[in-house]
Amino acid sequence: MAQRASKKQTGVTESQELHTLNGQGELAQFLMRSGAAVPNSGRLLFVCIGSDRSTGDAYGPLVGSLLKERGWPHVVGTLEQPCDAHAVEAAVLKAAAMREQAWSIVAIDACLGKAASVGGFVAAHGPLLPGSAIGRRLPPVGDVSIRGVVNLFGPKAYGMLQTTSLHLVMEMAKQTAAAIDEAWLDKPQMG
């Protein structure tokens, strides 16, 4: 279902149409529609934003690690090498350079939302603004963006990310990686 949501909660630009999605199937369908614009899945760069030092914020690096394990070669942001607030600007520069060479960028990050949205996804055609839920001003990234709603949005956003269920975040990361595989079944050649 397409809807507008709070810019601060989801980290998007004001004009983006957001798609609130429940589960792997709906996310895969959104990505398949997005994938129609990606003629070569070998030219996909996944920028998986977050930190391995915060349960809720680990959603992006968990997805990145799962994508690497599944054979996707072009991934920035894993548990081993997170794309956190200190590394995101370099990742955005890399993504911009690759985009100029006709690459498509898929940005993945955690976000906070309403109780009914926790455990679901917010996806959009266009960039996300990493760190916006906790007041960080980082550059936008992504042609397609996926945000996993890992916990409730509230006045203490950083604390909400710290106290998020690890089980929930791991399940959401598995669903996201599986949806990406489902959407782009012709996985790129390694190397």
Protein backbone atom coordinates (compact mmCIF):
# COMPACT_ATOMS: atom_id res chain seq x y z
CA MET A 1 0.00 0.00 0.00
CA ALA A 2 1.46 3.35 -0.99
CA GLN A 3 1.35 6.07 1.63
CA ARG A 4 3.19 9.09 2.92
CA ALA A 5 5.04 8.72 6.20
CA SER A 6 7.06 10.96 8.44
CA LYS A 7 10.34 12.06 6.85
CA LYS A 8 12.07 11.84 10.22
CA GLN A 9 10.81 8.31 10.93
CA THR A 10 11.71 6.75 7.61
CA GLY A 11 14.53 8.91 6.32
CA VAL A 12 13.16 9.84 2.91
CA THR A 13 12.71 13.01 0.92
CA GLU A 14 9.37 14.81 1.18
CA SER A 15 8.20 13.94 -2.33
CA GLN A 16 8.80 10.19 -2.30
CA GLU A 17 5.90 7.78 -2.48
CA LEU A 18 6.44 5.17 0.21
CA HIS A 19 5.29 1.58 0.07
CA THR A 20 4.58 -0.02 3.43
CA LEU A 21 5.16 -3.73 2.97
CA ASN A 22 4.49 -6.69 5.23
CA GLY A 23 6.86 -9.60 4.84
CA GLN A 24 9.15 -11.10 2.27
CA GLY A 25 6.48 -11.66 -0.39
CA GLU A 26 5.35 -8.03 -0.59
CA LEU A 27 8.95 -6.81 -0.50
CA ALA A 28 9.90 -9.22 -3.32
CA GLN A 29 6.96 -7.98 -5.41
CA PHE A 30 8.05 -4.35 -4.93
CA LEU A 31 11.63 -5.25 -5.88
CA MET A 32 10.47 -7.21 -8.95
CA ARG A 33 8.63 -4.11 -10.17
CA SER A 34 11.75 -2.06 -9.41
CA GLY A 35 13.92 -4.71 -11.06
CA ALA A 36 12.20 -4.18 -14.38
CA ALA A 37 14.24 -0.99 -14.60
CA VAL A 38 17.47 -2.90 -13.85
CA PRO A 39 18.39 -4.73 -17.06
CA ASN A 40 21.58 -6.24 -15.61
CA SER A 41 21.47 -7.55 -12.04
CA GLY A 42 25.26 -7.82 -12.23
CA ARG A 43 25.31 -4.02 -12.08
CA LEU A 44 23.58 -3.75 -8.71
CA LEU A 45 25.38 -2.23 -5.75
CA PHE A 46 23.85 -2.85 -2.33
CA VAL A 47 24.67 -0.21 0.28
CA CYS A 48 23.68 -1.74 3.62
CA ILE A 49 23.83 0.99 6.24
CA GLY A 50 24.15 0.51 9.98
CA SER A 51 26.35 -0.59 12.83
CA ASP A 52 27.16 -3.92 14.42
CA ARG A 53 27.19 -2.18 17.82
CA SER A 54 23.44 -1.59 18.09
CA THR A 55 20.86 -4.35 17.80
CA GLY A 56 18.31 -2.36 15.78
CA ASP A 57 20.90 -0.62 13.65
CA ALA A 58 22.48 -3.98 12.74
CA TYR A 59 19.67 -4.67 10.21
CA GLY A 60 21.66 -3.21 7.28
CA PRO A 61 24.94 -5.01 8.03
CA LEU A 62 23.07 -8.28 8.65
CA VAL A 63 21.41 -7.98 5.23
CA GLY A 64 24.80 -7.16 3.68
CA SER A 65 26.42 -10.23 5.24
CA LEU A 66 23.58 -12.46 4.05
CA LEU A 67 23.83 -11.06 0.52
CA LYS A 68 27.59 -11.75 0.46
CA GLU A 69 26.94 -15.32 1.69
CA ARG A 70 24.38 -15.77 -1.10
CA GLY A 71 26.91 -14.78 -3.74
CA TRP A 72 26.16 -11.10 -4.39
CA PRO A 73 29.61 -9.59 -5.06
CA HIS A 74 28.83 -5.86 -4.90
CA VAL A 75 27.88 -5.16 -1.28
CA VAL A 76 29.01 -2.28 0.92
CA GLY A 77 28.19 -2.76 4.61
CA THR A 78 28.46 -6.12 6.35
CA LEU A 79 28.89 -7.22 9.96
CA GLU A 80 32.62 -7.55 9.29
CA GLN A 81 32.87 -4.08 7.68
CA PRO A 82 29.80 -2.01 8.60
CA CYS A 83 28.75 1.05 6.65
CA ASP A 84 28.09 3.13 9.76
CA ALA A 85 27.90 6.91 10.18
CA HIS A 86 31.68 7.14 9.81
CA ALA A 87 31.78 5.15 6.55
CA VAL A 88 28.54 6.19 4.85
CA GLU A 89 29.96 9.28 3.14
CA ALA A 90 32.66 7.20 1.42
CA ALA A 91 29.99 4.66 0.42
CA VAL A 92 27.85 7.42 -1.07
CA LEU A 93 30.82 8.65 -3.13
CA LYS A 94 31.47 5.08 -4.37
CA ALA A 95 27.78 4.67 -5.21
CA ALA A 96 27.72 7.98 -7.10
CA ALA A 97 30.74 6.96 -9.18
CA MET A 98 29.19 3.57 -9.99
CA ARG A 99 25.83 5.17 -10.80
CA GLU A 100 27.56 7.29 -13.45
CA GLN A 101 28.59 4.00 -15.08
CA ALA A 102 24.95 2.83 -15.30
CA TRP A 103 24.89 0.90 -12.03
CA SER A 104 21.75 0.77 -9.90
CA ILE A 105 22.07 1.39 -6.18
CA VAL A 106 19.88 -0.35 -3.60
CA ALA A 107 20.14 1.29 -0.17
CA ILE A 108 19.14 -0.69 2.92
CA ASP A 109 18.82 0.72 6.45
CA ALA A 110 16.87 0.34 9.67
CA CYS A 111 14.19 2.81 10.68
CA LEU A 112 11.69 3.36 13.48
CA GLY A 113 7.94 3.57 12.97
CA LYS A 114 4.45 3.03 14.34
CA ALA A 115 3.59 -0.08 16.35
CA ALA A 116 1.60 -1.59 13.47
CA SER A 117 4.63 -1.25 11.15
CA VAL A 118 7.28 -2.87 13.37
CA GLY A 119 8.65 -5.96 11.63
CA GLY A 120 7.63 -4.65 8.21
CA PHE A 121 9.37 -2.68 5.50
CA VAL A 122 9.10 0.76 3.93
CA ALA A 123 10.37 0.83 0.35
CA ALA A 124 10.62 3.61 -2.20
CA HIS A 125 11.97 4.45 -5.62
CA GLY A 126 14.61 6.94 -4.63
CA PRO A 127 17.18 7.55 -1.93
CA LEU A 128 17.02 7.23 1.80
CA LEU A 129 18.55 9.61 4.33
CA PRO A 130 20.67 7.50 6.69
CA GLY A 131 20.57 8.37 10.38
CA SER A 132 17.58 10.72 10.16
CA ALA A 133 15.65 8.97 12.96
CA ILE A 134 18.39 9.87 15.43
CA GLY A 135 19.01 13.36 14.03
CA ARG A 136 22.11 12.63 11.92
CA ARG A 137 22.58 14.60 8.68
CA LEU A 138 24.17 12.20 6.23
CA PRO A 139 24.03 12.30 2.41
CA PRO A 140 21.14 10.53 0.61
CA VAL A 141 21.86 7.23 -1.13
CA GLY A 142 20.00 4.79 -3.40
CA ASP A 143 17.93 4.53 -6.57
CA VAL A 144 15.73 2.07 -4.67
CA SER A 145 15.60 2.08 -0.90
CA ILE A 146 14.48 -0.44 1.69
CA ARG A 147 13.99 0.44 5.33
CA GLY A 148 13.31 -2.24 7.90
CA VAL A 149 11.01 -0.94 10.66
CA VAL A 150 12.82 -2.47 13.62
CA ASN A 151 11.14 -0.69 16.54
CA LEU A 152 8.84 2.15 17.64
CA PHE A 153 9.61 5.77 16.87
CA GLY A 154 9.80 7.85 20.01
CA PRO A 155 11.61 10.67 21.78
CA LYS A 156 14.62 8.47 22.57
CA ALA A 157 15.29 7.00 19.13
CA TYR A 158 18.85 5.91 19.89
CA GLY A 159 17.62 3.99 22.93
CA MET A 160 14.93 2.30 20.86
CA LEU A 161 17.57 1.05 18.42
CA GLN A 162 19.68 -0.25 21.34
CA THR A 163 16.80 -2.23 22.86
CA THR A 164 15.44 -3.81 19.68
CA SER A 165 14.91 -7.57 19.59
CA LEU A 166 17.86 -9.29 17.90
CA HIS A 167 15.56 -12.13 16.82
CA LEU A 168 13.25 -9.68 15.03
CA VAL A 169 16.15 -7.95 13.27
CA MET A 170 17.67 -11.27 12.14
CA GLU A 171 14.33 -12.50 10.78
CA MET A 172 13.80 -9.23 8.91
CA ALA A 173 17.32 -9.44 7.44
CA LYS A 174 16.66 -13.01 6.25
CA GLN A 175 13.39 -11.91 4.63
CA THR A 176 15.10 -8.99 2.90
CA ALA A 177 17.93 -11.13 1.48
CA ALA A 178 15.44 -13.75 0.31
CA ALA A 179 13.25 -11.07 -1.33
CA ILE A 180 16.31 -9.70 -3.17
CA ASP A 181 17.14 -13.19 -4.42
CA GLU A 182 13.53 -13.70 -5.49
CA ALA A 183 13.41 -10.37 -7.34
CA TRP A 184 16.71 -10.82 -9.16
CA LEU A 185 16.94 -14.59 -9.61
CA ASP A 186 19.55 -14.32 -12.35
CA LYS A 187 22.25 -13.58 -9.81
CA PRO A 188 25.39 -11.93 -11.15
CA GLN A 189 28.49 -13.89 -12.00
CA MET A 190 31.13 -13.80 -9.33
CA GLY A 191 34.25 -11.81 -10.11
